[in-house]
């Protein structure tokens, strides 16, 4: 129902193209929207996801920053674990791809 309303709005406003940033889920929703719009609306997708899971994309906006933050957090918690002679488990975000964890650790 929401997609139908958005599609109708795009058509009524005469939108002739869409440029969007986002990840896998965002692009899936936009693709669904465009399929339901009835016409052919050109679409440019700019990958922006900490998951870095967009096919055929080396790096996406936000990935490098997320890796840097995660690596710093891991280094800080490692120092704490060493000083207290403890083992600490760290979990990173990144949905199903694991690229953030792989690059941060």
N, C-alpha and C. Protein backbone atom coordinates (compact mmCIF):
# COMPACT_ATOMS: atom_id res chain seq x y z
N UNK A 1 0.81 -1.20 0.00
CA UNK A 1 0.00 0.00 0.00
C UNK A 1 0.85 1.27 0.00
N UNK A 2 1.93 1.28 0.82
CA UNK A 2 2.82 2.44 0.84
C UNK A 2 3.51 2.60 -0.51
N UNK A 3 3.93 1.46 -1.08
CA UNK A 3 4.61 1.51 -2.37
C UNK A 3 3.68 2.07 -3.43
N UNK A 4 2.41 1.69 -3.39
CA UNK A 4 1.43 2.20 -4.36
C UNK A 4 1.27 3.71 -4.23
N UNK A 5 1.21 4.22 -3.00
CA UNK A 5 1.08 5.66 -2.77
C UNK A 5 2.31 6.41 -3.27
N UNK A 6 3.49 5.85 -2.98
CA UNK A 6 4.73 6.50 -3.42
C UNK A 6 4.81 6.48 -4.94
N UNK A 7 4.48 5.35 -5.55
CA UNK A 7 4.49 5.24 -7.01
C UNK A 7 3.55 6.26 -7.64
N UNK A 8 2.36 6.39 -7.08
CA UNK A 8 1.40 7.36 -7.60
C UNK A 8 1.95 8.79 -7.47
N UNK A 9 2.60 9.07 -6.34
CA UNK A 9 3.20 10.38 -6.14
C UNK A 9 4.29 10.68 -7.14
N UNK A 10 5.16 9.70 -7.39
CA UNK A 10 6.22 9.89 -8.39
C UNK A 10 5.64 10.20 -9.75
N UNK A 11 4.63 9.43 -10.14
CA UNK A 11 4.00 9.64 -11.45
C UNK A 11 3.32 11.01 -11.53
N UNK A 12 2.61 11.39 -10.47
CA UNK A 12 1.88 12.66 -10.51
C UNK A 12 2.82 13.86 -10.51
N UNK A 13 3.99 13.72 -9.89
CA UNK A 13 4.95 14.82 -9.85
C UNK A 13 5.87 14.87 -11.07
N UNK A 14 5.75 13.86 -11.92
CA UNK A 14 6.58 13.83 -13.12
C UNK A 14 8.05 13.59 -12.82
N UNK A 15 8.34 12.83 -11.77
CA UNK A 15 9.73 12.51 -11.42
C UNK A 15 10.32 11.69 -12.56
N UNK A 16 11.46 12.14 -13.07
CA UNK A 16 12.04 11.44 -14.23
C UNK A 16 13.34 10.71 -13.91
N UNK A 17 13.71 10.65 -12.63
CA UNK A 17 14.89 9.90 -12.24
C UNK A 17 15.07 9.93 -10.74
N UNK A 18 15.77 8.92 -10.22
CA UNK A 18 16.02 8.84 -8.79
C UNK A 18 17.51 8.55 -8.57
N UNK A 19 18.10 9.32 -7.66
CA UNK A 19 19.46 9.07 -7.19
C UNK A 19 19.32 8.80 -5.70
N UNK A 20 19.80 7.65 -5.27
CA UNK A 20 19.63 7.27 -3.86
C UNK A 20 20.91 6.67 -3.31
N UNK A 21 21.12 6.86 -2.00
CA UNK A 21 22.20 6.19 -1.31
C UNK A 21 21.60 5.17 -0.37
N UNK A 22 22.32 4.11 -0.11
CA UNK A 22 21.81 3.10 0.81
C UNK A 22 22.49 1.78 0.60
N UNK A 23 21.91 0.78 1.23
CA UNK A 23 22.45 -0.57 1.14
C UNK A 23 21.50 -1.51 0.44
N UNK A 24 21.74 -2.77 0.67
CA UNK A 24 20.96 -3.83 0.04
C UNK A 24 19.46 -3.65 0.22
N UNK A 25 19.02 -3.44 1.45
CA UNK A 25 17.59 -3.30 1.73
C UNK A 25 17.00 -2.07 1.05
N UNK A 26 17.72 -0.96 1.11
CA UNK A 26 17.23 0.27 0.47
C UNK A 26 17.06 0.07 -1.03
N UNK A 27 18.05 -0.54 -1.65
CA UNK A 27 17.99 -0.73 -3.09
C UNK A 27 16.89 -1.73 -3.47
N UNK A 28 16.66 -2.73 -2.64
CA UNK A 28 15.55 -3.67 -2.89
C UNK A 28 14.21 -2.94 -2.87
N UNK A 29 14.02 -2.06 -1.89
CA UNK A 29 12.75 -1.31 -1.79
C UNK A 29 12.58 -0.37 -2.98
N UNK A 30 13.64 0.28 -3.38
CA UNK A 30 13.56 1.19 -4.52
C UNK A 30 13.25 0.41 -5.79
N UNK A 31 13.87 -0.75 -5.96
CA UNK A 31 13.58 -1.58 -7.14
C UNK A 31 12.11 -1.99 -7.17
N UNK A 32 11.56 -2.34 -5.99
CA UNK A 32 10.13 -2.69 -5.91
C UNK A 32 9.28 -1.49 -6.26
N UNK A 33 9.65 -0.34 -5.75
CA UNK A 33 8.93 0.89 -6.03
C UNK A 33 8.91 1.18 -7.53
N UNK A 34 10.08 1.07 -8.15
CA UNK A 34 10.17 1.37 -9.58
C UNK A 34 9.39 0.37 -10.44
N UNK A 35 9.38 -0.90 -10.02
CA UNK A 35 8.60 -1.90 -10.75
C UNK A 35 7.11 -1.57 -10.71
N UNK A 36 6.66 -1.06 -9.56
CA UNK A 36 5.24 -0.74 -9.39
C UNK A 36 4.87 0.63 -9.94
N UNK A 37 5.85 1.43 -10.31
CA UNK A 37 5.57 2.79 -10.79
C UNK A 37 4.92 2.79 -12.16
N UNK A 38 5.04 1.69 -12.88
CA UNK A 38 4.39 1.60 -14.18
C UNK A 38 5.23 2.11 -15.33
N UNK A 39 6.01 3.12 -15.11
CA UNK A 39 6.86 3.65 -16.18
C UNK A 39 8.30 3.30 -15.92
N UNK A 40 9.13 3.71 -16.82
CA UNK A 40 10.57 3.47 -16.64
C UNK A 40 11.20 4.73 -16.07
N UNK A 41 11.64 4.65 -14.83
CA UNK A 41 12.29 5.77 -14.16
C UNK A 41 13.75 5.38 -13.96
N UNK A 42 14.68 6.13 -14.56
CA UNK A 42 16.10 5.82 -14.36
C UNK A 42 16.49 5.92 -12.89
N UNK A 43 17.38 5.04 -12.47
CA UNK A 43 17.79 4.96 -11.07
C UNK A 43 19.30 4.83 -10.98
N UNK A 44 19.91 5.65 -10.14
CA UNK A 44 21.34 5.54 -9.84
C UNK A 44 21.45 5.27 -8.34
N UNK A 45 22.11 4.18 -7.99
CA UNK A 45 22.30 3.83 -6.59
C UNK A 45 23.74 4.05 -6.18
N UNK A 46 23.94 4.78 -5.10
CA UNK A 46 25.27 5.02 -4.56
C UNK A 46 25.39 4.19 -3.28
N UNK A 47 26.25 3.17 -3.27
CA UNK A 47 26.36 2.30 -2.11
C UNK A 47 26.79 3.05 -0.85
N UNK A 48 26.00 2.92 0.21
CA UNK A 48 26.34 3.54 1.49
C UNK A 48 25.87 2.57 2.58
N UNK A 49 26.79 1.74 3.05
CA UNK A 49 26.44 0.74 4.05
C UNK A 49 27.68 0.28 4.78
N UNK A 50 27.58 0.11 6.09
CA UNK A 50 28.73 -0.38 6.82
C UNK A 50 28.95 -1.87 6.56
N UNK A 51 27.93 -2.53 6.01
CA UNK A 51 28.04 -3.96 5.71
C UNK A 51 28.98 -4.23 4.53
N UNK A 52 29.08 -3.26 3.64
CA UNK A 52 29.88 -3.41 2.41
C UNK A 52 29.46 -4.66 1.63
N UNK A 53 28.15 -4.88 1.55
CA UNK A 53 27.64 -6.11 0.94
C UNK A 53 26.89 -5.89 -0.37
N UNK A 54 27.16 -4.78 -1.03
CA UNK A 54 26.55 -4.54 -2.34
C UNK A 54 27.38 -5.27 -3.39
N UNK A 55 26.76 -6.16 -4.17
CA UNK A 55 27.52 -6.92 -5.16
C UNK A 55 28.29 -6.01 -6.12
N UNK A 56 29.47 -6.45 -6.51
CA UNK A 56 30.34 -5.76 -7.47
C UNK A 56 30.82 -4.40 -6.98
N UNK A 57 30.84 -4.19 -5.68
CA UNK A 57 31.32 -2.94 -5.09
C UNK A 57 32.50 -3.24 -4.18
N UNK A 58 33.61 -2.56 -4.41
CA UNK A 58 34.78 -2.77 -3.56
C UNK A 58 34.57 -2.18 -2.17
N UNK A 59 34.20 -0.91 -2.10
CA UNK A 59 33.95 -0.22 -0.84
C UNK A 59 32.70 0.64 -0.99
N UNK A 60 31.97 0.75 0.09
CA UNK A 60 30.80 1.63 0.08
C UNK A 60 31.04 2.77 1.07
N UNK A 61 30.32 3.87 0.86
CA UNK A 61 30.42 4.99 1.79
C UNK A 61 30.04 4.51 3.18
N UNK A 62 30.81 4.88 4.16
CA UNK A 62 30.53 4.49 5.53
C UNK A 62 31.31 3.27 6.00
N UNK A 63 31.77 2.44 5.07
CA UNK A 63 32.46 1.21 5.46
C UNK A 63 33.80 1.52 6.12
N UNK A 64 34.59 2.38 5.54
CA UNK A 64 35.91 2.69 6.09
C UNK A 64 35.80 3.31 7.49
N UNK A 65 34.83 4.20 7.66
CA UNK A 65 34.61 4.81 8.98
C UNK A 65 34.21 3.76 10.01
N UNK A 66 33.32 2.85 9.61
CA UNK A 66 32.87 1.80 10.53
C UNK A 66 34.02 0.88 10.91
N UNK A 67 34.88 0.55 9.95
CA UNK A 67 36.04 -0.29 10.24
C UNK A 67 36.97 0.42 11.23
N UNK A 68 37.19 1.70 11.03
CA UNK A 68 38.07 2.47 11.92
C UNK A 68 37.52 2.50 13.34
N UNK A 69 36.23 2.76 13.49
CA UNK A 69 35.62 2.82 14.83
C UNK A 69 35.69 1.45 15.49
N UNK A 70 35.36 0.40 14.75
CA UNK A 70 35.38 -0.95 15.32
C UNK A 70 36.80 -1.37 15.70
N UNK A 71 37.79 -1.06 14.85
CA UNK A 71 39.18 -1.41 15.15
C UNK A 71 39.67 -0.69 16.41
N UNK A 72 39.32 0.57 16.55
CA UNK A 72 39.71 1.32 17.76
C UNK A 72 39.05 0.74 19.01
N UNK A 73 37.78 0.38 18.90
CA UNK A 73 37.07 -0.21 20.04
C UNK A 73 37.70 -1.54 20.43
N UNK A 74 38.05 -2.34 19.42
CA UNK A 74 38.68 -3.63 19.69
C UNK A 74 40.04 -3.43 20.38
N UNK A 75 40.81 -2.46 19.91
CA UNK A 75 42.11 -2.19 20.52
C UNK A 75 41.94 -1.75 21.98
N UNK A 76 40.95 -0.92 22.24
CA UNK A 76 40.72 -0.44 23.61
C UNK A 76 40.29 -1.57 24.53
N UNK A 77 39.39 -2.42 24.08
CA UNK A 77 38.91 -3.51 24.93
C UNK A 77 40.00 -4.57 25.10
N UNK A 78 40.87 -4.71 24.10
CA UNK A 78 42.00 -5.64 24.23
C UNK A 78 42.93 -5.19 25.35
N UNK A 79 43.21 -3.89 25.40
CA UNK A 79 44.06 -3.37 26.47
C UNK A 79 43.45 -3.61 27.84
N UNK A 80 42.15 -3.41 27.95
CA UNK A 80 41.45 -3.67 29.22
C UNK A 80 41.52 -5.14 29.59
N UNK A 81 41.29 -6.01 28.60
CA UNK A 81 41.33 -7.45 28.85
C UNK A 81 42.72 -7.88 29.32
N UNK A 82 43.76 -7.36 28.68
CA UNK A 82 45.12 -7.71 29.07
C UNK A 82 45.43 -7.25 30.50
N UNK A 83 45.06 -6.03 30.82
CA UNK A 83 45.40 -5.50 32.14
C UNK A 83 44.65 -6.22 33.27
N UNK A 84 43.50 -6.79 32.96
CA UNK A 84 42.71 -7.51 33.98
C UNK A 84 42.78 -9.03 33.81
N UNK A 85 43.65 -9.45 32.90
CA UNK A 85 43.84 -10.88 32.63
C UNK A 85 42.49 -11.58 32.36
N UNK A 86 41.75 -11.00 31.41
CA UNK A 86 40.44 -11.52 31.05
C UNK A 86 40.37 -11.78 29.55
N UNK A 87 39.40 -12.57 29.17
CA UNK A 87 39.08 -12.80 27.77
C UNK A 87 37.75 -12.10 27.50
N UNK A 88 37.71 -11.29 26.47
CA UNK A 88 36.50 -10.55 26.13
C UNK A 88 36.12 -10.88 24.69
N UNK A 89 34.84 -11.15 24.48
CA UNK A 89 34.32 -11.41 23.15
C UNK A 89 33.73 -10.13 22.59
N UNK A 90 34.06 -9.81 21.35
CA UNK A 90 33.57 -8.60 20.70
C UNK A 90 32.71 -9.02 19.51
N UNK A 91 31.54 -8.42 19.40
CA UNK A 91 30.65 -8.69 18.27
C UNK A 91 30.47 -7.40 17.48
N UNK A 92 30.64 -7.49 16.18
CA UNK A 92 30.44 -6.32 15.31
C UNK A 92 29.15 -6.46 14.51
N UNK A 93 28.64 -5.32 14.10
CA UNK A 93 27.48 -5.33 13.21
C UNK A 93 27.94 -5.77 11.82
N UNK A 94 26.99 -5.85 10.91
CA UNK A 94 27.36 -6.16 9.54
C UNK A 94 26.46 -7.20 8.90
N UNK A 95 25.30 -7.39 9.44
CA UNK A 95 24.33 -8.35 8.92
C UNK A 95 24.97 -9.69 8.62
N UNK A 96 24.86 -10.17 7.41
CA UNK A 96 25.32 -11.53 7.11
C UNK A 96 26.66 -11.60 6.39
N UNK A 97 27.22 -10.46 6.00
CA UNK A 97 28.42 -10.52 5.17
C UNK A 97 29.71 -10.75 5.96
N UNK A 98 29.85 -10.15 7.13
CA UNK A 98 31.07 -10.32 7.94
C UNK A 98 32.24 -9.48 7.50
N UNK A 99 32.07 -8.61 6.50
CA UNK A 99 33.19 -7.81 6.01
C UNK A 99 33.68 -6.81 7.06
N UNK A 100 32.78 -6.24 7.83
CA UNK A 100 33.18 -5.27 8.86
C UNK A 100 34.05 -5.96 9.91
N UNK A 101 33.61 -7.10 10.39
CA UNK A 101 34.38 -7.84 11.39
C UNK A 101 35.73 -8.28 10.84
N UNK A 102 35.74 -8.78 9.62
CA UNK A 102 36.98 -9.25 9.00
C UNK A 102 38.01 -8.12 8.88
N UNK A 103 37.55 -6.94 8.46
CA UNK A 103 38.47 -5.82 8.25
C UNK A 103 38.85 -5.11 9.55
N UNK A 104 38.00 -5.19 10.57
CA UNK A 104 38.29 -4.49 11.82
C UNK A 104 39.19 -5.30 12.74
N UNK A 105 39.11 -6.62 12.64
CA UNK A 105 39.80 -7.45 13.60
C UNK A 105 41.11 -7.94 13.13
